[in-house]
Each structure stands twice: as structure tokens, then as C-alpha cells.
Protein backbone atom coordinates (compact mmCIF):
# COMPACT_ATOMS: atom_id res chain seq x y z
CA MET A 1 131.74 -81.83 73.46
CA LYS A 2 134.80 -79.64 74.00
CA THR A 3 135.80 -81.59 77.12
CA ARG A 4 135.41 -84.83 75.23
CA HIS A 5 137.77 -83.54 72.55
CA LEU A 6 140.32 -82.44 75.19
CA ALA A 7 140.10 -85.82 76.91
CA HIS A 8 140.79 -87.54 73.59
CA ILE A 9 143.85 -85.30 72.98
CA ARG A 10 145.17 -85.97 76.51
CA ALA A 11 144.71 -89.72 76.08
CA ARG A 12 146.52 -89.57 72.74
CA ILE A 13 149.45 -87.58 74.20
CA CYS A 14 149.64 -89.97 77.16
CA GLY A 15 149.73 -92.92 74.76
CA ILE A 16 152.54 -91.35 72.73
CA ILE A 17 154.59 -90.64 75.87
CA CYS A 18 154.07 -94.20 77.18
CA LEU A 19 154.99 -95.71 73.83
CA SER A 20 158.11 -93.53 73.60
CA SER A 21 159.16 -94.57 77.10
CA ILE A 22 158.71 -98.26 76.32
CA VAL A 23 160.65 -98.00 73.06
CA SER A 24 163.44 -96.09 74.82
CA ALA A 25 163.66 -98.71 77.57
CA MET A 26 163.77 -101.52 75.03
CA THR A 27 166.51 -99.99 72.87
CA THR A 28 168.94 -99.17 75.71
CA GLY A 29 169.92 -102.83 75.77
CA CYS A 30 171.05 -102.53 72.14
CA ILE A 31 173.80 -100.03 72.94
CA ARG A 32 177.15 -101.68 73.62
CA GLU A 33 180.53 -100.24 74.45
CA ASP A 34 182.60 -103.15 73.20
CA PHE A 35 185.50 -101.74 71.22
CA ALA A 36 187.19 -105.11 70.68
CA GLU A 37 186.32 -104.99 66.97
CA CYS A 38 187.83 -101.52 66.51
CA LYS A 39 191.21 -101.43 64.81
CA ASP A 40 194.16 -99.85 66.58
CA THR A 41 196.03 -99.12 63.38
CA TYR A 42 197.20 -95.76 62.18
CA ASP A 43 198.20 -94.58 58.71
CA LEU A 44 200.35 -91.54 58.09
CA GLN A 45 199.60 -89.85 54.78
CA LEU A 46 202.51 -87.79 53.52
CA VAL A 47 201.82 -84.62 51.54
CA PHE A 48 204.28 -82.21 49.91
CA ASP A 49 202.25 -79.09 49.14
CA ARG A 50 204.58 -76.30 50.23
CA ASN A 51 206.21 -75.89 46.86
CA MET A 52 206.08 -73.70 43.78
CA LEU A 53 203.31 -75.84 42.27
CA TYR A 54 200.92 -75.01 45.17
CA ALA A 55 199.67 -78.62 44.97
CA ASP A 56 200.54 -81.99 46.46
CA ALA A 57 203.73 -82.96 44.59
CA PHE A 58 204.77 -85.84 46.85
CA ALA A 59 204.45 -88.55 44.17
CA SER A 60 206.44 -86.62 41.57
CA GLN A 61 208.99 -84.77 43.70
CA VAL A 62 210.00 -87.12 46.56
CA ARG A 63 212.66 -89.79 46.02
CA SER A 64 212.93 -91.23 49.55
CA VAL A 65 211.37 -90.74 52.95
CA ASP A 66 212.41 -91.52 56.53
CA VAL A 67 209.80 -91.55 59.30
CA LYS A 68 210.61 -91.63 63.01
CA VAL A 69 207.98 -91.82 65.74
CA PHE A 70 208.78 -90.74 69.30
CA ASP A 71 206.78 -91.19 72.50
CA SER A 72 205.83 -87.66 73.54
CA SER A 73 206.21 -88.30 77.26
CA THR A 74 209.58 -90.06 77.23
CA GLY A 75 211.11 -88.81 73.98
CA ARG A 76 212.16 -92.36 73.08
CA GLU A 77 211.93 -93.61 69.53
CA VAL A 78 209.17 -96.22 69.23
CA TYR A 79 209.12 -96.77 65.46
CA SER A 80 211.31 -96.05 62.48
CA PHE A 81 210.58 -96.52 58.78
CA ALA A 82 212.35 -95.73 55.50
CA ASP A 83 211.08 -96.11 51.95
CA SER A 84 212.19 -95.16 48.47
CA GLY A 85 211.58 -95.95 44.83
CA ALA A 86 208.40 -96.76 42.95
CA ALA A 87 206.26 -97.14 46.09
CA LEU A 88 206.47 -93.38 46.65
CA GLU A 89 204.95 -92.64 43.25
CA SER A 90 201.45 -93.55 44.46
CA ALA A 91 199.10 -90.57 44.62
CA ASP A 92 197.74 -91.86 47.94
CA TYR A 93 201.02 -92.91 49.60
CA ARG A 94 200.62 -93.86 53.26
CA VAL A 95 202.87 -95.28 55.94
CA ALA A 96 201.31 -97.82 58.30
CA LEU A 97 202.29 -97.11 61.90
CA PRO A 98 202.18 -100.29 64.03
CA ILE A 99 202.09 -98.44 67.36
CA PRO A 100 199.71 -98.67 70.31
CA PRO A 101 197.31 -95.78 71.07
CA GLY A 102 199.13 -92.88 72.70
CA THR A 103 200.63 -89.45 72.15
CA TYR A 104 203.53 -89.26 69.73
CA ASP A 105 205.82 -86.82 67.94
CA ILE A 106 206.53 -87.71 64.31
CA LEU A 107 209.58 -86.63 62.32
CA CYS A 108 209.55 -87.07 58.54
CA TRP A 109 212.56 -86.42 56.37
CA ALA A 110 212.20 -86.58 52.59
CA GLU A 111 214.75 -86.38 49.80
CA ALA A 112 213.56 -84.48 46.75
CA VAL A 113 214.19 -85.43 43.16
CA SER A 114 217.07 -83.35 41.80
């Protein structure tokens, strides 16, 4: 009786292993590495939190901003952007960077409200 019970357990384990192998083989065809649908867009969120308020005061304290993006390997400027006025008053202000994937150095210069 004990051997019959062990045989049943072995058969059950074998069945589970076979089923797992079949499911694994079937699902490998579902994995794709097509990144064509991925967006190559980058947003730069500007934050001004090194101030006496100890909080992000970008929307209330910044009047204008200049952003320059440089290619890290060549040092050449690849993108430049300037903004001022009411657009900067958004709590979630972001600058869209229309640049290809790569390694960049970014310089931001902001003018504070006087």
C-alpha cells in the first residue's frame, strides 16, 4: 500500500513537471523585444527646493528659465529652450526635451522673482 501511495505521488509530480514544461514552452513565443511602440521622449521637471521654505517653490519663486542641453561626449549644444510667464506657475512644470537617446549634460538657469 505504501509503494502504491509513493507511485501515485511520483506520477503526480511528473505530471506537474511535464505540464509546467509545456506551459513554459508555449509562453516563450509570447515574449517580444519590439520597442517600436516605446516613446523616445524625455521631460525635465524643474524643482526649486534649496530655499528658506524647505519646499519646492519653483511655481511661486521663478520668473524665467533657460535650459541648455549638451552632448556629453562632444560638449556641443544639442537643444536650447527658454520660458517665462504664466506657464512657469504650474505646480508640475516640465520641459519637453526633443532629443534622441544618449548621454547629456543639462544646464538650467532660472531668474527668481524679486
